[in-house]
Amino acid sequence: MRQLVGPTDPEMFDNPRGEPVFADVPEGAYDNVFDFGSGCGRLARQMMQQSPVPARYRGIDLHEGMVRWCHENLTPANPGFSFAHHNVFNPGFNPDPSLPRFAPFPIEDGAVTLMIAWSVFTHTTQRQTEHYIKETARVLHDRGILVSTWFLFEKKNFPMMQDFQNALYINEFDPTNATIFDRTWLVDLLASAGLQVTLAKPPGIRGFQWVLHISKKGQGAPVELGEDVAPYGRKPPPVVTRDPSRIGRP
């Protein structure tokens, strides 16, 4: 399961010092946490050990086996942490072609003070991203914040792309293996949903994940996405040789 989410070092799944997982979010952000793409509970486990512990945590993931593991192993340690299967199609993790490509969040309007999408929008198609950004705007509290990661590129460097094409994909069999979005398109998409970027951390390796904090318009000052000038390098994820959709399932 750790291979499926990327980090495999056990230290990445622990928080012995009890420090907040995200130290740069506003006070009160941990009142109601929604983890979109909770995986095998890496961040949930760390938050269970942090101070303050979230008053409420809800995680969803499209991988049934990882959701099952979290429900059986993490929820008993803190019943305030719950996990649910987001049953949408994914070529690798949930490969039933009859499933919808996206679905509403099982969250009430305006409830979420901290939403997490870590290594999620790096694996959603353009249509899925458009849907889930609208859902983000719906579920965020007025003072809520989304902590998210993104792969970004400059569409102006690709003159063959149509106006409606704003994503690049690296895998012909599974487009969601990695998705790279046009920076300007993303900013415009957020604005159309009433959202804005309030913090932007460029990647440590050129072309790798940006960390973006996103909030509703009027909540803090918007920031520009600067140029990616990080050094070149490589950071490919582990290669899983088993059928990933069957891991953790009976």
Protein backbone atom coordinates (compact mmCIF):
# COMPACT_ATOMS: atom_id res chain seq x y z
CA MET A 1 0.00 0.00 0.00
CA ARG A 2 2.86 2.39 0.73
CA GLN A 3 4.20 1.77 -2.76
CA LEU A 4 0.80 2.76 -4.16
CA VAL A 5 0.93 6.19 -2.49
CA GLY A 6 4.63 6.86 -3.14
CA PRO A 7 6.57 7.19 0.15
CA THR A 8 7.66 3.86 1.65
CA ASP A 9 9.92 5.06 4.50
CA PRO A 10 8.17 4.18 7.81
CA GLU A 11 9.20 7.58 9.21
CA MET A 12 6.92 9.20 6.62
CA PHE A 13 3.95 7.54 8.34
CA ASP A 14 4.75 8.57 11.91
CA ASN A 15 4.78 11.79 13.96
CA PRO A 16 6.51 11.05 17.27
CA ARG A 17 7.07 14.74 18.12
CA GLY A 18 3.38 15.53 17.75
CA GLU A 19 3.89 18.56 15.52
CA PRO A 20 1.02 19.76 13.29
CA VAL A 21 1.27 18.13 9.88
CA PHE A 22 0.66 21.50 8.23
CA ALA A 23 2.16 24.19 10.43
CA ASP A 24 1.40 27.01 7.99
CA VAL A 25 -2.41 26.79 7.98
CA PRO A 26 -4.64 29.26 9.87
CA GLU A 27 -5.64 28.80 13.49
CA GLY A 28 -8.70 26.59 13.75
CA ALA A 29 -8.01 24.79 10.48
CA TYR A 30 -8.06 21.42 12.23
CA ASP A 31 -11.66 21.81 13.40
CA ASN A 32 -13.03 19.80 10.46
CA VAL A 33 -10.54 18.03 8.19
CA PHE A 34 -11.46 16.45 4.85
CA ASP A 35 -8.74 14.33 3.22
CA PHE A 36 -9.51 13.87 -0.48
CA GLY A 37 -7.36 10.88 -1.43
CA SER A 38 -6.56 9.58 2.05
CA GLY A 39 -4.73 6.51 0.68
CA CYS A 40 -3.45 4.14 3.35
CA GLY A 41 -3.72 6.79 6.06
CA ARG A 42 -0.26 8.37 6.03
CA LEU A 43 -1.50 11.85 6.92
CA ALA A 44 -4.35 10.55 9.07
CA ARG A 45 -1.90 8.59 11.22
CA GLN A 46 0.33 11.65 11.61
CA MET A 47 -2.64 13.82 12.55
CA MET A 48 -3.75 11.34 15.19
CA GLN A 49 -0.41 11.97 16.91
CA GLN A 50 -0.27 15.74 16.47
CA SER A 51 -1.38 18.54 18.79
CA PRO A 52 -4.02 19.69 18.21
CA VAL A 53 -5.66 16.47 17.07
CA PRO A 54 -8.37 17.25 14.50
CA ALA A 55 -11.79 17.52 16.08
CA ARG A 56 -13.17 15.68 13.05
CA TYR A 57 -11.40 13.93 10.18
CA ARG A 58 -13.04 12.36 7.15
CA GLY A 59 -10.99 10.65 4.45
CA ILE A 60 -12.11 9.27 1.10
CA ASP A 61 -10.20 7.28 -1.48
CA LEU A 62 -11.04 5.38 -4.66
CA HIS A 63 -8.90 2.39 -3.60
CA GLU A 64 -11.18 0.05 -1.68
CA GLY A 65 -8.39 -1.97 -0.06
CA MET A 66 -6.70 1.06 1.47
CA VAL A 67 -10.01 2.42 2.76
CA ARG A 68 -10.72 -0.96 4.34
CA TRP A 69 -7.29 -1.01 6.01
CA CYS A 70 -7.73 2.50 7.44
CA HIS A 71 -11.20 1.70 8.76
CA GLU A 72 -9.96 -1.48 10.46
CA ASN A 73 -6.67 -0.16 11.82
CA LEU A 74 -6.95 3.61 12.33
CA THR A 75 -10.57 4.35 13.23
CA PRO A 76 -10.40 2.09 16.34
CA ALA A 77 -7.53 4.28 17.61
CA ASN A 78 -9.65 7.42 17.23
CA PRO A 79 -13.37 7.13 16.35
CA GLY A 80 -13.30 10.79 15.25
CA PHE A 81 -11.41 9.61 12.16
CA SER A 82 -13.61 8.00 9.50
CA PHE A 83 -12.89 6.67 6.01
CA ALA A 84 -15.14 6.02 3.01
CA HIS A 85 -14.75 4.51 -0.43
CA HIS A 86 -15.07 7.12 -3.21
CA ASN A 87 -16.30 4.63 -5.78
CA VAL A 88 -15.28 6.20 -9.09
CA PHE A 89 -13.43 4.69 -12.02
CA ASN A 90 -9.65 4.60 -12.13
CA PRO A 91 -7.72 2.42 -14.60
CA GLY A 92 -5.31 1.15 -11.95
CA PHE A 93 -6.97 1.44 -8.56
CA ASN A 94 -10.69 0.94 -9.32
CA PRO A 95 -10.92 -0.46 -12.86
CA ASP A 96 -14.65 -1.17 -13.23
CA PRO A 97 -15.52 0.66 -16.50
CA SER A 98 -19.18 0.97 -15.48
CA LEU A 99 -18.30 3.33 -12.63
CA PRO A 100 -18.70 7.11 -12.96
CA ARG A 101 -15.58 9.14 -13.67
CA PHE A 102 -16.31 11.52 -10.79
CA ALA A 103 -18.86 11.97 -8.00
CA PRO A 104 -19.89 14.54 -5.39
CA PHE A 105 -17.96 14.72 -2.14
CA PRO A 106 -19.92 13.11 0.74
CA ILE A 107 -19.54 16.36 2.66
CA GLU A 108 -22.07 19.04 3.57
CA ASP A 109 -21.84 22.55 2.15
CA GLY A 110 -19.40 24.95 3.81
CA ALA A 111 -18.27 22.47 6.47
CA VAL A 112 -14.56 21.91 5.82
CA THR A 113 -11.97 24.05 7.58
CA LEU A 114 -9.00 22.10 6.15
CA MET A 115 -9.17 20.10 2.93
CA ILE A 116 -6.17 18.04 1.83
CA ALA A 117 -5.52 16.86 -1.72
CA TRP A 118 -1.96 15.58 -1.54
CA SER A 119 -0.88 13.84 -4.75
CA VAL A 120 -4.47 13.87 -6.00
CA PHE A 121 -4.75 16.60 -8.62
CA THR A 122 -1.50 15.24 -10.02
CA HIS A 123 -3.59 12.16 -10.97
CA THR A 124 -6.95 13.52 -12.17
CA THR A 125 -8.00 14.27 -15.72
CA GLN A 126 -8.99 17.76 -16.82
CA ARG A 127 -12.72 16.97 -16.59
CA GLN A 128 -12.31 15.42 -13.15
CA THR A 129 -10.33 18.41 -11.95
CA GLU A 130 -12.98 20.84 -13.17
CA HIS A 131 -15.61 18.88 -11.25
CA TYR A 132 -13.61 18.52 -8.04
CA ILE A 133 -12.60 22.19 -7.93
CA LYS A 134 -16.31 23.08 -7.98
CA GLU A 135 -16.86 20.55 -5.20
CA THR A 136 -13.99 22.10 -3.25
CA ALA A 137 -15.63 25.51 -3.44
CA ARG A 138 -18.90 23.96 -2.24
CA VAL A 139 -17.55 22.17 0.84
CA LEU A 140 -14.99 24.75 2.04
CA HIS A 141 -15.92 26.88 5.03
CA ASP A 142 -15.56 30.63 4.42
CA ARG A 143 -12.27 30.49 6.35
CA GLY A 144 -11.35 27.04 5.05
CA ILE A 145 -8.20 26.22 3.15
CA LEU A 146 -7.21 23.55 0.65
CA VAL A 147 -3.65 22.21 0.85
CA SER A 148 -2.89 20.59 -2.51
CA THR A 149 -0.14 19.50 -4.88
CA TRP A 150 0.06 20.04 -8.64
CA PHE A 151 2.23 19.42 -11.68
CA LEU A 152 2.23 22.61 -13.79
CA PHE A 153 3.47 23.61 -17.23
CA GLU A 154 3.31 26.60 -19.57
CA LYS A 155 0.87 25.97 -22.41
CA LYS A 156 2.37 28.80 -24.44
CA ASN A 157 5.30 26.47 -25.09
CA PHE A 158 2.97 23.96 -26.82
CA PRO A 159 1.45 25.80 -29.81
CA MET A 160 -0.25 22.67 -31.16
CA MET A 161 -2.68 22.49 -28.20
CA GLN A 162 -6.32 23.44 -28.66
CA ASP A 163 -7.99 26.08 -26.46
CA PHE A 164 -9.91 23.33 -24.65
CA GLN A 165 -6.81 21.19 -24.03
CA ASN A 166 -5.08 22.19 -20.81
CA ALA A 167 -3.50 18.99 -19.51
CA LEU A 168 -0.59 16.77 -20.46
CA TYR A 169 -0.52 13.03 -19.74
CA ILE A 170 2.50 10.70 -19.67
CA ASN A 171 0.91 7.22 -19.83
CA GLU A 172 -1.07 5.96 -22.84
CA PHE A 173 -2.73 3.17 -20.80
CA ASP A 174 -3.54 5.18 -17.65
CA PRO A 175 -3.68 8.96 -18.19
CA THR A 176 -4.00 9.49 -14.43
CA ASN A 177 -0.51 8.06 -13.87
CA ALA A 178 0.58 11.72 -13.87
CA THR A 179 -1.31 14.81 -15.04
CA ILE A 180 0.32 18.18 -15.73
CA PHE A 181 -1.90 21.27 -15.96
CA ASP A 182 -1.38 24.63 -17.61
CA ARG A 183 -0.61 27.19 -14.93
CA THR A 184 -2.80 29.96 -16.38
CA TRP A 185 -5.73 27.59 -16.91
CA LEU A 186 -5.56 26.50 -13.28
CA VAL A 187 -5.60 30.07 -11.98
CA ASP A 188 -8.60 30.85 -14.21
CA LEU A 189 -10.39 27.66 -13.13
CA LEU A 190 -9.98 28.56 -9.47
CA ALA A 191 -11.23 32.10 -10.09
CA SER A 192 -14.33 30.79 -11.87
CA ALA A 193 -15.13 28.76 -8.74
CA GLY A 194 -14.57 31.72 -6.41
CA LEU A 195 -11.20 30.45 -5.22
CA GLN A 196 -7.66 31.82 -5.16
CA VAL A 197 -4.09 30.73 -4.42
CA THR A 198 -2.85 32.20 -1.12
CA LEU A 199 0.47 30.34 -0.86
CA ALA A 200 2.62 28.75 -3.57
CA LYS A 201 5.69 26.63 -2.84
CA PRO A 202 7.66 25.77 -5.99
CA PRO A 203 9.02 22.26 -6.44
CA GLY A 204 12.44 21.19 -5.21
CA ILE A 205 13.01 19.37 -8.53
CA ARG A 206 12.08 21.22 -11.71
CA GLY A 207 8.72 20.04 -13.02
CA PHE A 208 7.78 18.19 -9.83
CA GLN A 209 5.00 19.00 -7.36
CA TRP A 210 3.99 22.53 -6.49
CA VAL A 211 2.32 22.91 -3.07
CA LEU A 212 -0.59 25.33 -3.32
CA HIS A 213 -2.80 26.66 -0.54
CA ILE A 214 -6.19 27.61 -1.95
CA SER A 215 -8.98 29.52 -0.21
CA LYS A 216 -12.14 31.40 -1.08
CA LYS A 217 -11.76 34.82 -2.63
CA GLY A 218 -11.38 37.52 -0.01
CA GLN A 219 -9.77 35.19 2.53
CA GLY A 220 -6.20 36.47 2.50
CA ALA A 221 -4.24 38.02 -0.32
CA PRO A 222 -3.86 36.13 -3.60
CA VAL A 223 -0.34 35.27 -4.72
CA GLU A 224 1.21 34.75 -8.14
CA LEU A 225 2.64 31.41 -9.20
CA GLY A 226 6.28 32.20 -9.82
CA GLU A 227 8.64 30.60 -12.29
CA ASP A 228 9.90 27.08 -11.68
CA VAL A 229 13.67 27.50 -11.46
CA ALA A 230 14.45 24.41 -9.40
CA PRO A 231 17.40 22.22 -10.42
CA TYR A 232 16.73 19.30 -12.73
CA GLY A 233 16.44 15.82 -11.23
CA ARG A 234 14.37 12.64 -11.16
CA LYS A 235 11.86 11.28 -8.66
CA PRO A 236 9.86 8.46 -10.26
CA PRO A 237 7.47 6.59 -7.96
CA PRO A 238 7.87 2.89 -7.11
CA VAL A 239 6.77 0.45 -9.82
CA VAL A 240 4.04 -1.90 -8.57
CA THR A 241 4.09 -5.28 -10.33
CA ARG A 242 0.91 -6.69 -8.72
CA ASP A 243 -2.62 -5.70 -9.73
CA PRO A 244 -2.93 -2.58 -7.54
CA SER A 245 -6.72 -2.74 -7.35
CA ARG A 246 -6.59 -6.11 -5.51
CA ILE A 247 -4.16 -5.08 -2.78
CA GLY A 248 -5.85 -5.08 0.63
CA ARG A 249 -9.05 -6.67 -0.66
CA PRO A 250 -10.29 -10.15 0.26
